[in-house]
Amino acid sequence: IFGNVTKKKLIHESVLLVENSNGDV
């Protein structure tokens, strides 16, 4: 999903961080 967004020609840079509450994921 992140890759599909960053493929778009107007997206020059991007970051995504996903975690659960206690951070073990």
PDB file of all heavy atoms in Angstrom:
ATOM      1  N   ILE A   1       0.850  -1.205   0.000  1.00  0.00           N
ATOM      2  CA  ILE A   1       0.000   0.000   0.000  1.00  0.00           C
ATOM      3  C   ILE A   1       0.883   1.251   0.000  1.00  0.00           C
ATOM      4  O   ILE A   1       0.649   2.195  -0.762  1.00  0.00           O
ATOM      5  CB  ILE A   1      -0.955   0.000   1.220  1.00  0.00           C
ATOM      6  CG1 ILE A   1      -1.984  -1.126   1.062  1.00  0.00           C
ATOM      7  CG2 ILE A   1      -1.654   1.347   1.381  1.00  0.00           C
ATOM      8  CD1 ILE A   1      -2.758  -1.469   2.331  1.00  0.00           C
ATOM      9  N   PHE A   2       1.924   1.239   0.836  1.00  0.00           N
ATOM     10  CA  PHE A   2       2.876   2.359   0.901  1.00  0.00           C
ATOM     11  C   PHE A   2       3.558   2.538  -0.466  1.00  0.00           C
ATOM     12  O   PHE A   2       3.686   3.653  -0.966  1.00  0.00           O
ATOM     13  CB  PHE A   2       3.914   2.096   1.997  1.00  0.00           C
ATOM     14  CG  PHE A   2       4.919   3.205   2.178  1.00  0.00           C
ATOM     15  CD1 PHE A   2       4.559   4.404   2.765  1.00  0.00           C
ATOM     16  CD2 PHE A   2       6.243   3.040   1.767  1.00  0.00           C
ATOM     17  CE1 PHE A   2       5.489   5.427   2.949  1.00  0.00           C
ATOM     18  CE2 PHE A   2       7.179   4.054   1.943  1.00  0.00           C
ATOM     19  CZ  PHE A   2       6.801   5.249   2.535  1.00  0.00           C
ATOM     20  N   GLY A   3       3.945   1.427  -1.071  1.00  0.00           N
ATOM     21  CA  GLY A   3       4.599   1.458  -2.377  1.00  0.00           C
ATOM     22  C   GLY A   3       3.707   2.042  -3.459  1.00  0.00           C
ATOM     23  O   GLY A   3       4.157   2.814  -4.318  1.00  0.00           O
ATOM     24  N   ASN A   4       2.416   1.712  -3.401  1.00  0.00           N
ATOM     25  CA  ASN A   4       1.471   2.250  -4.389  1.00  0.00           C
ATOM     26  C   ASN A   4       1.337   3.772  -4.273  1.00  0.00           C
ATOM     27  O   ASN A   4       1.179   4.460  -5.276  1.00  0.00           O
ATOM     28  CB  ASN A   4       0.089   1.604  -4.230  1.00  0.00           C
ATOM     29  CG  ASN A   4       0.086   0.164  -4.703  1.00  0.00           C
ATOM     30  OD1 ASN A   4       0.968  -0.240  -5.466  1.00  0.00           O
ATOM     31  ND2 ASN A   4      -0.869  -0.620  -4.241  1.00  0.00           N
ATOM     32  N   VAL A   5       1.410   4.268  -3.047  1.00  0.00           N
ATOM     33  CA  VAL A   5       1.321   5.722  -2.837  1.00  0.00           C
ATOM     34  C   VAL A   5       2.598   6.408  -3.333  1.00  0.00           C
ATOM     35  O   VAL A   5       2.551   7.421  -4.031  1.00  0.00           O
ATOM     36  CB  VAL A   5       1.062   6.053  -1.345  1.00  0.00           C
ATOM     37  CG1 VAL A   5       1.239   7.544  -1.070  1.00  0.00           C
ATOM     38  CG2 VAL A   5      -0.339   5.625  -0.952  1.00  0.00           C
ATOM     39  N   THR A   6       3.743   5.844  -2.978  1.00  0.00           N
ATOM     40  CA  THR A   6       5.014   6.501  -3.332  1.00  0.00           C
ATOM     41  C   THR A   6       5.351   6.385  -4.825  1.00  0.00           C
ATOM     42  O   THR A   6       6.200   7.100  -5.325  1.00  0.00           O
ATOM     43  CB  THR A   6       6.182   5.944  -2.491  1.00  0.00           C
ATOM     44  OG1 THR A   6       6.240   4.520  -2.650  1.00  0.00           O
ATOM     45  CG2 THR A   6       6.002   6.271  -1.017  1.00  0.00           C
ATOM     46  N   LYS A   7       4.649   5.499  -5.526  1.00  0.00           N
ATOM     47  CA  LYS A   7       4.829   5.384  -6.989  1.00  0.00           C
ATOM     48  C   LYS A   7       4.277   6.594  -7.724  1.00  0.00           C
ATOM     49  O   LYS A   7       4.647   6.878  -8.853  1.00  0.00           O
ATOM     50  CB  LYS A   7       4.084   4.143  -7.503  1.00  0.00           C
ATOM     51  CG  LYS A   7       4.963   2.920  -7.682  1.00  0.00           C
ATOM     52  CD  LYS A   7       4.170   1.823  -8.379  1.00  0.00           C
ATOM     53  CE  LYS A   7       4.430   0.490  -7.713  1.00  0.00           C
ATOM     54  NZ  LYS A   7       3.288  -0.376  -7.601  1.00  0.00           N
ATOM     55  N   LYS A   8       3.329   7.278  -7.079  1.00  0.00           N
ATOM     56  CA  LYS A   8       2.680   8.407  -7.748  1.00  0.00           C
ATOM     57  C   LYS A   8       3.699   9.502  -8.018  1.00  0.00           C
ATOM     58  O   LYS A   8       4.539   9.801  -7.172  1.00  0.00           O
ATOM     59  CB  LYS A   8       1.528   8.936  -6.886  1.00  0.00           C
ATOM     60  CG  LYS A   8       0.408   7.922  -6.781  1.00  0.00           C
ATOM     61  CD  LYS A   8      -0.690   8.394  -5.868  1.00  0.00           C
ATOM     62  CE  LYS A   8      -1.781   7.334  -5.810  1.00  0.00           C
ATOM     63  NZ  LYS A   8      -2.696   7.516  -4.712  1.00  0.00           N
ATOM     64  N   LYS A   9       3.579  10.130  -9.192  1.00  0.00           N
ATOM     65  CA  LYS A   9       4.653  11.040  -9.616  1.00  0.00           C
ATOM     66  C   LYS A   9       4.762  12.303  -8.763  1.00  0.00           C
ATOM     67  O   LYS A   9       5.806  12.924  -8.730  1.00  0.00           O
ATOM     68  CB  LYS A   9       4.548  11.374 -11.095  1.00  0.00           C
ATOM     69  CG  LYS A   9       3.310  12.149 -11.530  1.00  0.00           C
ATOM     70  CD  LYS A   9       3.421  12.476 -13.023  1.00  0.00           C
ATOM     71  CE  LYS A   9       2.407  13.493 -13.475  1.00  0.00           C
ATOM     72  NZ  LYS A   9       1.020  12.984 -13.424  1.00  0.00           N
ATOM     73  N   LEU A  10       3.695  12.662  -8.044  1.00  0.00           N
ATOM     74  CA  LEU A  10       3.780  13.872  -7.219  1.00  0.00           C
ATOM     75  C   LEU A  10       4.302  13.599  -5.804  1.00  0.00           C
ATOM     76  O   LEU A  10       4.499  14.523  -5.023  1.00  0.00           O
ATOM     77  CB  LEU A  10       2.415  14.568  -7.133  1.00  0.00           C
ATOM     78  CG  LEU A  10       1.933  15.260  -8.418  1.00  0.00           C
ATOM     79  CD1 LEU A  10       0.589  15.928  -8.181  1.00  0.00           C
ATOM     80  CD2 LEU A  10       2.946  16.274  -8.934  1.00  0.00           C
ATOM     81  N   ILE A  11       4.534  12.325  -5.471  1.00  0.00           N
ATOM     82  CA  ILE A  11       5.070  12.010  -4.138  1.00  0.00           C
ATOM     83  C   ILE A  11       6.591  11.906  -4.241  1.00  0.00           C
ATOM     84  O   ILE A  11       7.125  11.023  -4.889  1.00  0.00           O
ATOM     85  CB  ILE A  11       4.463  10.705  -3.575  1.00  0.00           C
ATOM     86  CG1 ILE A  11       2.924  10.791  -3.529  1.00  0.00           C
ATOM     87  CG2 ILE A  11       5.029  10.398  -2.181  1.00  0.00           C
ATOM     88  CD1 ILE A  11       2.344  11.899  -2.671  1.00  0.00           C
ATOM     89  N   HIS A  12       7.281  12.867  -3.607  1.00  0.00           N
ATOM     90  CA  HIS A  12       8.736  12.958  -3.725  1.00  0.00           C
ATOM     91  C   HIS A  12       9.461  12.308  -2.550  1.00  0.00           C
ATOM     92  O   HIS A  12      10.610  11.901  -2.659  1.00  0.00           O
ATOM     93  CB  HIS A  12       9.146  14.435  -3.834  1.00  0.00           C
ATOM     94  CG  HIS A  12       8.413  15.146  -4.933  1.00  0.00           C
ATOM     95  ND1 HIS A  12       8.766  15.017  -6.255  1.00  0.00           N
ATOM     96  CD2 HIS A  12       7.320  15.953  -4.901  1.00  0.00           C
ATOM     97  CE1 HIS A  12       7.927  15.743  -6.996  1.00  0.00           C
ATOM     98  NE2 HIS A  12       7.043  16.302  -6.197  1.00  0.00           N
ATOM     99  N   GLU A  13       8.779  12.258  -1.405  1.00  0.00           N
ATOM    100  CA  GLU A  13       9.361  11.634  -0.216  1.00  0.00           C
ATOM    101  C   GLU A  13       8.211  11.224   0.699  1.00  0.00           C
ATOM    102  O   GLU A  13       7.131  11.808   0.647  1.00  0.00           O
ATOM    103  CB  GLU A  13      10.300  12.614   0.511  1.00  0.00           C
ATOM    104  CG  GLU A  13       9.642  13.942   0.860  1.00  0.00           C
ATOM    105  CD  GLU A  13      10.526  14.836   1.706  1.00  0.00           C
ATOM    106  OE1 GLU A  13      11.719  14.939   1.410  1.00  0.00           O
ATOM    107  OE2 GLU A  13      10.000  15.414   2.668  1.00  0.00           O
ATOM    108  N   SER A  14       8.453  10.219   1.510  1.00  0.00           N
ATOM    109  CA  SER A  14       7.367   9.735   2.358  1.00  0.00           C
ATOM    110  C   SER A  14       7.913   8.866   3.481  1.00  0.00           C
ATOM    111  O   SER A  14       9.010   8.306   3.371  1.00  0.00           O
ATOM    112  CB  SER A  14       6.394   8.924   1.493  1.00  0.00           C
ATOM    113  OG  SER A  14       5.224   8.656   2.196  1.00  0.00           O
ATOM    114  N   VAL A  15       7.139   8.771   4.559  1.00  0.00           N
ATOM    115  CA  VAL A  15       7.515   7.888   5.672  1.00  0.00           C
ATOM    116  C   VAL A  15       6.242   7.313   6.274  1.00  0.00           C
ATOM    117  O   VAL A  15       5.182   7.953   6.253  1.00  0.00           O
ATOM    118  CB  VAL A  15       8.340   8.661   6.745  1.00  0.00           C
ATOM    119  CG1 VAL A  15       7.502   9.742   7.431  1.00  0.00           C
ATOM    120  CG2 VAL A  15       8.931   7.715   7.787  1.00  0.00           C
ATOM    121  N   LEU A  16       6.327   6.084   6.787  1.00  0.00           N
ATOM    122  CA  LEU A  16       5.194   5.451   7.456  1.00  0.00           C
ATOM    123  C   LEU A  16       5.723   4.627   8.619  1.00  0.00           C
ATOM    124  O   LEU A  16       6.694   3.884   8.473  1.00  0.00           O
ATOM    125  CB  LEU A  16       4.440   4.541   6.475  1.00  0.00           C
ATOM    126  CG  LEU A  16       3.261   3.735   7.054  1.00  0.00           C
ATOM    127  CD1 LEU A  16       2.131   4.649   7.491  1.00  0.00           C
ATOM    128  CD2 LEU A  16       2.740   2.726   6.023  1.00  0.00           C
ATOM    129  N   LEU A  17       5.086   4.792   9.786  1.00  0.00           N
ATOM    130  CA  LEU A  17       5.437   4.009  10.971  1.00  0.00           C
ATOM    131  C   LEU A  17       4.145   3.417  11.528  1.00  0.00           C
ATOM    132  O   LEU A  17       3.170   4.137  11.744  1.00  0.00           O
ATOM    133  CB  LEU A  17       6.116   4.912  12.018  1.00  0.00           C
ATOM    134  CG  LEU A  17       6.509   4.280  13.355  1.00  0.00           C
ATOM    135  CD1 LEU A  17       7.489   3.121  13.176  1.00  0.00           C
ATOM    136  CD2 LEU A  17       7.119   5.331  14.290  1.00  0.00           C
ATOM    137  N   VAL A  18       4.133   2.103  11.712  1.00  0.00           N
ATOM    138  CA  VAL A  18       2.938   1.401  12.208  1.00  0.00           C
ATOM    139  C   VAL A  18       3.334   0.605  13.443  1.00  0.00           C
ATOM    140  O   VAL A  18       4.311  -0.147  13.422  1.00  0.00           O
ATOM    141  CB  VAL A  18       2.384   0.435  11.130  1.00  0.00           C
ATOM    142  CG1 VAL A  18       1.097  -0.221  11.626  1.00  0.00           C
ATOM    143  CG2 VAL A  18       2.142   1.155   9.812  1.00  0.00           C
ATOM    144  N   GLU A  19       2.579   0.787  14.542  1.00  0.00           N
ATOM    145  CA  GLU A  19       2.887   0.055  15.786  1.00  0.00           C
ATOM    146  C   GLU A  19       1.617  -0.294  16.529  1.00  0.00           C
ATOM    147  O   GLU A  19       0.604   0.401  16.399  1.00  0.00           O
ATOM    148  CB  GLU A  19       3.757   0.914  16.723  1.00  0.00           C
ATOM    149  CG  GLU A  19       5.222   0.943  16.349  1.00  0.00           C
ATOM    150  CD  GLU A  19       6.086   1.687  17.382  1.00  0.00           C
ATOM    151  OE1 GLU A  19       5.593   2.018  18.482  1.00  0.00           O
ATOM    152  OE2 GLU A  19       7.245   1.923  17.060  1.00  0.00           O
ATOM    153  N   ASN A  20       1.701  -1.339  17.362  1.00  0.00           N
ATOM    154  CA  ASN A  20       0.604  -1.587  18.304  1.00  0.00           C
ATOM    155  C   ASN A  20       0.931  -0.871  19.615  1.00  0.00           C
ATOM    156  O   ASN A  20       1.996  -0.256  19.752  1.00  0.00           O
ATOM    157  CB  ASN A  20       0.368  -3.093  18.496  1.00  0.00           C
ATOM    158  CG  ASN A  20       1.564  -3.789  19.134  1.00  0.00           C
ATOM    159  OD1 ASN A  20       2.624  -3.184  19.323  1.00  0.00           O
ATOM    160  ND2 ASN A  20       1.398  -5.062  19.460  1.00  0.00           N
ATOM    161  N   SER A  21       0.002  -0.942  20.587  1.00  0.00           N
ATOM    162  CA  SER A  21       0.151  -0.155  21.829  1.00  0.00           C
ATOM    163  C   SER A  21       1.473  -0.364  22.543  1.00  0.00           C
ATOM    164  O   SER A  21       2.130   0.584  22.948  1.00  0.00           O
ATOM    165  CB  SER A  21      -0.980  -0.472  22.805  1.00  0.00           C
ATOM    166  OG  SER A  21      -2.144   0.179  22.402  1.00  0.00           O
ATOM    167  N   ASN A  22       1.884  -1.632  22.737  1.00  0.00           N
ATOM    168  CA  ASN A  22       3.108  -1.839  23.520  1.00  0.00           C
ATOM    169  C   ASN A  22       4.377  -1.865  22.668  1.00  0.00           C
ATOM    170  O   ASN A  22       5.476  -2.046  23.185  1.00  0.00           O
ATOM    171  CB  ASN A  22       2.998  -3.108  24.385  1.00  0.00           C
ATOM    172  CG  ASN A  22       2.742  -4.343  23.547  1.00  0.00           C
ATOM    173  OD1 ASN A  22       2.970  -4.325  22.342  1.00  0.00           O
ATOM    174  ND2 ASN A  22       2.263  -5.407  24.182  1.00  0.00           N
ATOM    175  N   GLY A  23       4.213  -1.681  21.346  1.00  0.00           N
ATOM    176  CA  GLY A  23       5.399  -1.537  20.493  1.00  0.00           C
ATOM    177  C   GLY A  23       6.074  -2.839  20.099  1.00  0.00           C
ATOM    178  O   GLY A  23       7.126  -2.826  19.458  1.00  0.00           O
ATOM    179  N   ASP A  24       5.480  -3.997  20.477  1.00  0.00           N
ATOM    180  CA  ASP A  24       6.160  -5.238  20.079  1.00  0.00           C
ATOM    181  C   ASP A  24       5.872  -5.591  18.613  1.00  0.00           C
ATOM    182  O   ASP A  24       6.512  -6.450  18.023  1.00  0.00           O
ATOM    183  CB  ASP A  24       5.848  -6.415  21.018  1.00  0.00           C
ATOM    184  CG  ASP A  24       4.361  -6.726  21.128  1.00  0.00           C
ATOM    185  OD1 ASP A  24       3.578  -6.108  20.380  1.00  0.00           O
ATOM    186  OD2 ASP A  24       3.986  -7.570  21.956  1.00  0.00           O
ATOM    187  N   VAL A  25       4.885  -4.900  18.030  1.00  0.00           N
ATOM    188  CA  VAL A  25       4.722  -4.946  16.572  1.00  0.00           C
ATOM    189  C   VAL A  25       5.068  -3.554  16.062  1.00  0.00           C
ATOM    190  O   VAL A  25       4.467  -2.566  16.483  1.00  0.00           O
ATOM    191  CB  VAL A  25       3.262  -5.292  16.174  1.00  0.00           C
ATOM    192  CG1 VAL A  25       3.089  -5.193  14.664  1.00  0.00           C
ATOM    193  CG2 VAL A  25       2.887  -6.676  16.671  1.00  0.00           C
TER     194      VAL A  25
END
